[in-house]
Amino acid sequence: MPTHVAPPGWPVEVRPPDAPDWEATAASWLLDLCPPDFRGYPGLRKHVVVLARFAVLHVEAGQAAARRGLSEARSELRDVATPDVVEAAVQTWMIEDARLAGVRRAVGLVEEALRGRRFIARL
């Protein structure tokens, strides 16, 4: 029975919980998700669970921005772009919203693991 289990949606860049150096891989991945300035905050680098919370909120802000962009794209862009360009922008917002949903799930799983949750292999 494997001792290091990562659930569906776990980021491939992060080793499973309790694997050697898994928290270091989590910290590196979380920092990659956040604005570059976050690397300069010692408290985030020392306390990975705090970094995870910052990353969750950052990703959720990106989701809100994508949803706003999607809701406003047609009205905001119709005077500055052709209809096909506007539709391409709408499609791009939809793709980004879907991508961010996956990232949000992944960062949430990492945060849960950093808070002590462990996952069980399912058949």
N, C-alpha and C. Protein backbone atom coordinates (compact mmCIF):
# COMPACT_ATOMS: atom_id res chain seq x y z
N MET A 1 0.85 -1.18 0.00
CA MET A 1 0.00 0.00 0.00
C MET A 1 0.90 1.24 0.00
N PRO A 2 0.69 2.15 -0.96
CA PRO A 2 1.57 3.33 -1.02
C PRO A 2 1.36 4.23 0.19
N THR A 3 2.47 4.78 0.66
CA THR A 3 2.38 5.66 1.82
C THR A 3 2.24 7.12 1.41
N HIS A 4 2.60 7.44 0.17
CA HIS A 4 2.55 8.82 -0.30
C HIS A 4 1.48 8.91 -1.39
N VAL A 5 0.33 9.45 -1.02
CA VAL A 5 -0.80 9.48 -1.93
C VAL A 5 -1.13 10.92 -2.28
N ALA A 6 -1.26 11.17 -3.58
CA ALA A 6 -1.71 12.48 -4.07
C ALA A 6 -3.06 12.26 -4.74
N PRO A 7 -4.06 13.05 -4.40
CA PRO A 7 -5.40 12.88 -4.97
C PRO A 7 -5.50 13.43 -6.38
N PRO A 8 -6.56 13.09 -7.09
CA PRO A 8 -6.79 13.70 -8.40
C PRO A 8 -6.81 15.23 -8.28
N GLY A 9 -6.14 15.87 -9.21
CA GLY A 9 -6.06 17.33 -9.17
C GLY A 9 -4.82 17.85 -8.49
N TRP A 10 -4.03 16.95 -7.88
CA TRP A 10 -2.78 17.34 -7.22
C TRP A 10 -1.81 17.82 -8.30
N PRO A 11 -1.08 18.91 -8.06
CA PRO A 11 -0.15 19.41 -9.08
C PRO A 11 1.03 18.47 -9.30
N VAL A 12 1.36 18.23 -10.56
CA VAL A 12 2.46 17.32 -10.87
C VAL A 12 3.80 17.86 -10.39
N GLU A 13 3.90 19.17 -10.19
CA GLU A 13 5.15 19.79 -9.75
C GLU A 13 5.43 19.57 -8.27
N VAL A 14 4.44 19.08 -7.53
CA VAL A 14 4.57 18.92 -6.08
C VAL A 14 4.55 17.43 -5.74
N ARG A 15 5.55 17.02 -4.99
CA ARG A 15 5.58 15.63 -4.53
C ARG A 15 4.41 15.38 -3.60
N PRO A 16 3.97 14.13 -3.50
CA PRO A 16 2.85 13.82 -2.60
C PRO A 16 3.19 14.13 -1.14
N PRO A 17 2.17 14.38 -0.33
CA PRO A 17 2.41 14.64 1.09
C PRO A 17 3.25 13.54 1.75
N ASP A 18 4.20 13.97 2.54
CA ASP A 18 5.11 13.11 3.31
C ASP A 18 6.21 12.46 2.49
N ALA A 19 6.24 12.68 1.16
CA ALA A 19 7.38 12.21 0.37
C ALA A 19 8.57 13.11 0.73
N PRO A 20 9.77 12.63 0.55
CA PRO A 20 10.94 13.46 0.87
C PRO A 20 10.87 14.82 0.14
N ASP A 21 11.13 15.86 0.90
CA ASP A 21 11.16 17.24 0.38
C ASP A 21 9.85 17.71 -0.24
N TRP A 22 8.75 17.09 0.12
CA TRP A 22 7.49 17.48 -0.51
C TRP A 22 7.13 18.93 -0.21
N GLU A 23 7.40 19.40 1.01
CA GLU A 23 7.06 20.78 1.35
C GLU A 23 7.91 21.77 0.57
N ALA A 24 9.14 21.42 0.26
CA ALA A 24 9.99 22.29 -0.55
C ALA A 24 9.44 22.39 -1.97
N THR A 25 8.97 21.26 -2.51
CA THR A 25 8.38 21.32 -3.86
C THR A 25 7.08 22.10 -3.84
N ALA A 26 6.33 21.98 -2.74
CA ALA A 26 5.09 22.75 -2.60
C ALA A 26 5.40 24.25 -2.55
N ALA A 27 6.40 24.62 -1.76
CA ALA A 27 6.76 26.05 -1.64
C ALA A 27 7.18 26.62 -2.98
N SER A 28 7.99 25.88 -3.70
CA SER A 28 8.46 26.35 -5.01
C SER A 28 7.29 26.55 -5.96
N TRP A 29 6.38 25.59 -6.01
CA TRP A 29 5.22 25.68 -6.89
C TRP A 29 4.29 26.82 -6.48
N LEU A 30 4.06 26.94 -5.19
CA LEU A 30 3.19 28.02 -4.70
C LEU A 30 3.78 29.39 -5.04
N LEU A 31 5.08 29.54 -4.85
CA LEU A 31 5.72 30.82 -5.19
C LEU A 31 5.61 31.11 -6.69
N ASP A 32 5.66 30.08 -7.52
CA ASP A 32 5.50 30.28 -8.95
C ASP A 32 4.10 30.78 -9.31
N LEU A 33 3.10 30.43 -8.49
CA LEU A 33 1.72 30.87 -8.74
C LEU A 33 1.50 32.33 -8.35
N CYS A 34 2.30 32.81 -7.42
CA CYS A 34 2.09 34.13 -6.83
C CYS A 34 2.89 35.21 -7.57
N PRO A 35 2.57 36.47 -7.31
CA PRO A 35 3.38 37.54 -7.90
C PRO A 35 4.84 37.42 -7.47
N PRO A 36 5.77 37.81 -8.33
CA PRO A 36 7.20 37.67 -8.00
C PRO A 36 7.60 38.34 -6.68
N ASP A 37 6.94 39.43 -6.32
CA ASP A 37 7.28 40.13 -5.08
C ASP A 37 7.09 39.26 -3.84
N PHE A 38 6.22 38.25 -3.92
CA PHE A 38 6.00 37.38 -2.76
C PHE A 38 7.27 36.65 -2.34
N ARG A 39 8.19 36.44 -3.28
CA ARG A 39 9.44 35.75 -2.95
C ARG A 39 10.28 36.55 -1.95
N GLY A 40 10.05 37.85 -1.88
CA GLY A 40 10.81 38.71 -0.99
C GLY A 40 10.29 38.78 0.44
N TYR A 41 9.18 38.12 0.72
CA TYR A 41 8.62 38.15 2.07
C TYR A 41 9.10 36.93 2.86
N PRO A 42 10.02 37.13 3.82
CA PRO A 42 10.57 35.99 4.57
C PRO A 42 9.50 35.15 5.26
N GLY A 43 8.45 35.78 5.76
CA GLY A 43 7.40 35.04 6.46
C GLY A 43 6.71 34.02 5.56
N LEU A 44 6.59 34.34 4.30
CA LEU A 44 5.96 33.40 3.37
C LEU A 44 6.89 32.25 3.04
N ARG A 45 8.16 32.54 2.95
CA ARG A 45 9.14 31.49 2.62
C ARG A 45 9.35 30.54 3.80
N LYS A 46 9.25 31.06 5.03
CA LYS A 46 9.46 30.23 6.23
C LYS A 46 8.23 29.42 6.60
N HIS A 47 7.06 29.92 6.29
CA HIS A 47 5.81 29.29 6.71
C HIS A 47 4.99 28.94 5.46
N VAL A 48 5.22 27.72 4.97
CA VAL A 48 4.62 27.32 3.69
C VAL A 48 3.10 27.29 3.76
N VAL A 49 2.54 26.95 4.91
CA VAL A 49 1.08 26.92 5.02
C VAL A 49 0.51 28.34 4.87
N VAL A 50 1.23 29.34 5.36
CA VAL A 50 0.80 30.73 5.18
C VAL A 50 0.92 31.11 3.70
N LEU A 51 2.00 30.69 3.07
CA LEU A 51 2.17 30.92 1.64
C LEU A 51 1.02 30.30 0.85
N ALA A 52 0.60 29.11 1.25
CA ALA A 52 -0.52 28.44 0.57
C ALA A 52 -1.79 29.27 0.67
N ARG A 53 -2.04 29.85 1.83
CA ARG A 53 -3.24 30.69 1.99
C ARG A 53 -3.16 31.90 1.07
N PHE A 54 -1.98 32.53 1.00
CA PHE A 54 -1.78 33.67 0.09
C PHE A 54 -2.02 33.24 -1.35
N ALA A 55 -1.53 32.05 -1.72
CA ALA A 55 -1.69 31.56 -3.09
C ALA A 55 -3.16 31.29 -3.41
N VAL A 56 -3.88 30.71 -2.46
CA VAL A 56 -5.32 30.47 -2.66
C VAL A 56 -6.02 31.80 -2.98
N LEU A 57 -5.75 32.80 -2.16
CA LEU A 57 -6.43 34.09 -2.37
C LEU A 57 -6.00 34.74 -3.68
N HIS A 58 -4.75 34.59 -4.05
CA HIS A 58 -4.26 35.14 -5.31
C HIS A 58 -4.96 34.47 -6.50
N VAL A 59 -5.07 33.15 -6.46
CA VAL A 59 -5.74 32.42 -7.55
C VAL A 59 -7.22 32.79 -7.60
N GLU A 60 -7.85 32.91 -6.44
CA GLU A 60 -9.27 33.31 -6.42
C GLU A 60 -9.46 34.71 -6.99
N ALA A 61 -8.52 35.60 -6.75
CA ALA A 61 -8.59 36.94 -7.35
C ALA A 61 -8.47 36.85 -8.87
N GLY A 62 -7.61 35.97 -9.35
CA GLY A 62 -7.49 35.74 -10.79
C GLY A 62 -8.79 35.20 -11.37
N GLN A 63 -9.44 34.30 -10.64
CA GLN A 63 -10.73 33.78 -11.09
C GLN A 63 -11.76 34.91 -11.19
N ALA A 64 -11.79 35.76 -10.18
CA ALA A 64 -12.74 36.88 -10.20
C ALA A 64 -12.46 37.81 -11.38
N ALA A 65 -11.18 38.05 -11.66
CA ALA A 65 -10.81 38.91 -12.79
C ALA A 65 -11.22 38.27 -14.11
N ALA A 66 -11.01 36.98 -14.25
CA ALA A 66 -11.39 36.29 -15.48
C ALA A 66 -12.90 36.34 -15.67
N ARG A 67 -13.65 36.14 -14.63
CA ARG A 67 -15.11 36.18 -14.73
C ARG A 67 -15.60 37.58 -15.05
N ARG A 68 -14.97 38.58 -14.48
CA ARG A 68 -15.32 39.96 -14.81
C ARG A 68 -14.98 40.25 -16.27
N GLY A 69 -13.79 39.85 -16.69
CA GLY A 69 -13.40 40.05 -18.08
C GLY A 69 -14.39 39.40 -19.04
N LEU A 70 -14.82 38.21 -18.70
CA LEU A 70 -15.79 37.50 -19.53
C LEU A 70 -17.12 38.24 -19.57
N SER A 71 -17.58 38.70 -18.42
CA SER A 71 -18.88 39.37 -18.37
C SER A 71 -18.87 40.73 -19.06
N GLU A 72 -17.70 41.37 -19.12
CA GLU A 72 -17.62 42.71 -19.71
C GLU A 72 -17.04 42.73 -21.12
N ALA A 73 -16.53 41.64 -21.61
CA ALA A 73 -15.77 41.63 -22.87
C ALA A 73 -16.55 42.22 -24.03
N ARG A 74 -17.76 41.77 -24.23
CA ARG A 74 -18.52 42.24 -25.39
C ARG A 74 -18.83 43.73 -25.31
N SER A 75 -19.27 44.18 -24.15
CA SER A 75 -19.63 45.60 -24.03
C SER A 75 -18.41 46.52 -24.02
N GLU A 76 -17.33 46.08 -23.41
CA GLU A 76 -16.13 46.92 -23.31
C GLU A 76 -15.28 46.94 -24.58
N LEU A 77 -15.36 45.88 -25.37
CA LEU A 77 -14.46 45.77 -26.52
C LEU A 77 -15.13 46.04 -27.87
N ARG A 78 -16.45 46.09 -27.89
CA ARG A 78 -17.13 46.22 -29.19
C ARG A 78 -16.77 47.48 -29.95
N ASP A 79 -16.40 48.56 -29.24
CA ASP A 79 -16.05 49.81 -29.92
C ASP A 79 -14.58 49.88 -30.32
N VAL A 80 -13.78 48.93 -29.88
CA VAL A 80 -12.35 48.99 -30.18
C VAL A 80 -11.84 47.78 -30.95
N ALA A 81 -12.71 46.80 -31.19
CA ALA A 81 -12.28 45.59 -31.89
C ALA A 81 -13.42 45.05 -32.75
N THR A 82 -13.05 44.29 -33.75
CA THR A 82 -14.05 43.67 -34.62
C THR A 82 -14.77 42.56 -33.87
N PRO A 83 -15.97 42.18 -34.34
CA PRO A 83 -16.71 41.12 -33.64
C PRO A 83 -15.93 39.81 -33.50
N ASP A 84 -15.15 39.43 -34.50
CA ASP A 84 -14.38 38.18 -34.38
C ASP A 84 -13.27 38.31 -33.33
N VAL A 85 -12.68 39.48 -33.20
CA VAL A 85 -11.67 39.70 -32.17
C VAL A 85 -12.32 39.67 -30.78
N VAL A 86 -13.50 40.26 -30.66
CA VAL A 86 -14.23 40.24 -29.38
C VAL A 86 -14.56 38.80 -29.00
N GLU A 87 -15.04 38.02 -29.96
CA GLU A 87 -15.37 36.63 -29.67
C GLU A 87 -14.12 35.83 -29.29
N ALA A 88 -13.01 36.13 -29.91
CA ALA A 88 -11.75 35.46 -29.53
C ALA A 88 -11.38 35.83 -28.10
N ALA A 89 -11.60 37.07 -27.73
CA ALA A 89 -11.32 37.49 -26.35
C ALA A 89 -12.24 36.75 -25.37
N VAL A 90 -13.51 36.62 -25.72
CA VAL A 90 -14.45 35.88 -24.87
C VAL A 90 -13.98 34.45 -24.70
N GLN A 91 -13.58 33.81 -25.79
CA GLN A 91 -13.08 32.43 -25.71
C GLN A 91 -11.84 32.33 -24.82
N THR A 92 -10.97 33.33 -24.94
CA THR A 92 -9.76 33.35 -24.12
C THR A 92 -10.12 33.46 -22.64
N TRP A 93 -11.08 34.32 -22.31
CA TRP A 93 -11.50 34.44 -20.90
C TRP A 93 -12.08 33.12 -20.41
N MET A 94 -12.84 32.44 -21.26
CA MET A 94 -13.43 31.16 -20.87
C MET A 94 -12.35 30.10 -20.61
N ILE A 95 -11.35 30.07 -21.47
CA ILE A 95 -10.24 29.13 -21.28
C ILE A 95 -9.49 29.44 -19.98
N GLU A 96 -9.25 30.72 -19.75
CA GLU A 96 -8.52 31.12 -18.54
C GLU A 96 -9.32 30.80 -17.29
N ASP A 97 -10.63 31.01 -17.32
CA ASP A 97 -11.46 30.69 -16.17
C ASP A 97 -11.40 29.19 -15.87
N ALA A 98 -11.45 28.37 -16.90
CA ALA A 98 -11.36 26.91 -16.71
C ALA A 98 -9.99 26.52 -16.18
N ARG A 99 -8.94 27.11 -16.70
CA ARG A 99 -7.58 26.81 -16.22
C ARG A 99 -7.45 27.16 -14.75
N LEU A 100 -7.95 28.34 -14.39
CA LEU A 100 -7.84 28.78 -13.00
C LEU A 100 -8.67 27.91 -12.05
N ALA A 101 -9.76 27.34 -12.53
CA ALA A 101 -10.54 26.43 -11.69
C ALA A 101 -9.69 25.22 -11.31
N GLY A 102 -8.92 24.70 -12.27
CA GLY A 102 -8.03 23.58 -11.97
C GLY A 102 -6.92 23.97 -11.02
N VAL A 103 -6.35 25.15 -11.23
CA VAL A 103 -5.29 25.64 -10.34
C VAL A 103 -5.85 25.83 -8.94
N ARG A 104 -7.07 26.34 -8.84
CA ARG A 104 -7.67 26.57 -7.51
C ARG A 104 -7.85 25.25 -6.78
N ARG A 105 -8.28 24.23 -7.50
CA ARG A 105 -8.42 22.91 -6.86
C ARG A 105 -7.05 22.43 -6.38
N ALA A 106 -6.04 22.55 -7.23
CA ALA A 106 -4.70 22.07 -6.88
C ALA A 106 -4.14 22.81 -5.67
N VAL A 107 -4.24 24.12 -5.68
CA VAL A 107 -3.67 24.89 -4.57
C VAL A 107 -4.46 24.61 -3.28
N GLY A 108 -5.74 24.36 -3.40
CA GLY A 108 -6.53 24.00 -2.23
C GLY A 108 -6.10 22.66 -1.64
N LEU A 109 -5.82 21.70 -2.51
CA LEU A 109 -5.35 20.39 -2.04
C LEU A 109 -4.00 20.50 -1.33
N VAL A 110 -3.10 21.30 -1.91
CA VAL A 110 -1.80 21.50 -1.29
C VAL A 110 -1.97 22.18 0.07
N GLU A 111 -2.82 23.18 0.13
CA GLU A 111 -3.04 23.85 1.42
C GLU A 111 -3.59 22.86 2.45
N GLU A 112 -4.55 22.03 2.06
CA GLU A 112 -5.10 21.05 2.99
C GLU A 112 -4.00 20.10 3.50
N ALA A 113 -3.14 19.65 2.60
CA ALA A 113 -2.06 18.75 3.01
C ALA A 113 -1.08 19.45 3.95
N LEU A 114 -0.79 20.70 3.67
CA LEU A 114 0.11 21.45 4.56
C LEU A 114 -0.52 21.66 5.94
N ARG A 115 -1.83 21.64 6.00
CA ARG A 115 -2.54 21.76 7.28
C ARG A 115 -2.71 20.41 7.97
N GLY A 116 -2.19 19.34 7.34
CA GLY A 116 -2.19 18.04 8.00
C GLY A 116 -3.08 16.98 7.37
N ARG A 117 -3.88 17.33 6.40
CA ARG A 117 -4.74 16.32 5.78
C ARG A 117 -3.90 15.35 4.96
N ARG A 118 -4.25 14.06 5.06
CA ARG A 118 -3.59 13.05 4.25
C ARG A 118 -4.66 12.34 3.42
N PHE A 119 -4.25 11.90 2.26
CA PHE A 119 -5.18 11.34 1.30
C PHE A 119 -4.99 9.83 1.24
N ILE A 120 -6.05 9.12 0.93
CA ILE A 120 -6.05 7.67 0.91
C ILE A 120 -6.26 7.21 -0.54
N ALA A 121 -5.47 6.23 -0.94
CA ALA A 121 -5.64 5.67 -2.29
C ALA A 121 -6.99 5.00 -2.38
N ARG A 122 -7.66 5.23 -3.49
CA ARG A 122 -8.96 4.60 -3.71
C ARG A 122 -8.84 3.63 -4.88
N LEU A 123 -9.63 2.59 -4.81
CA LEU A 123 -9.60 1.59 -5.88
C LEU A 123 -10.34 2.06 -7.09
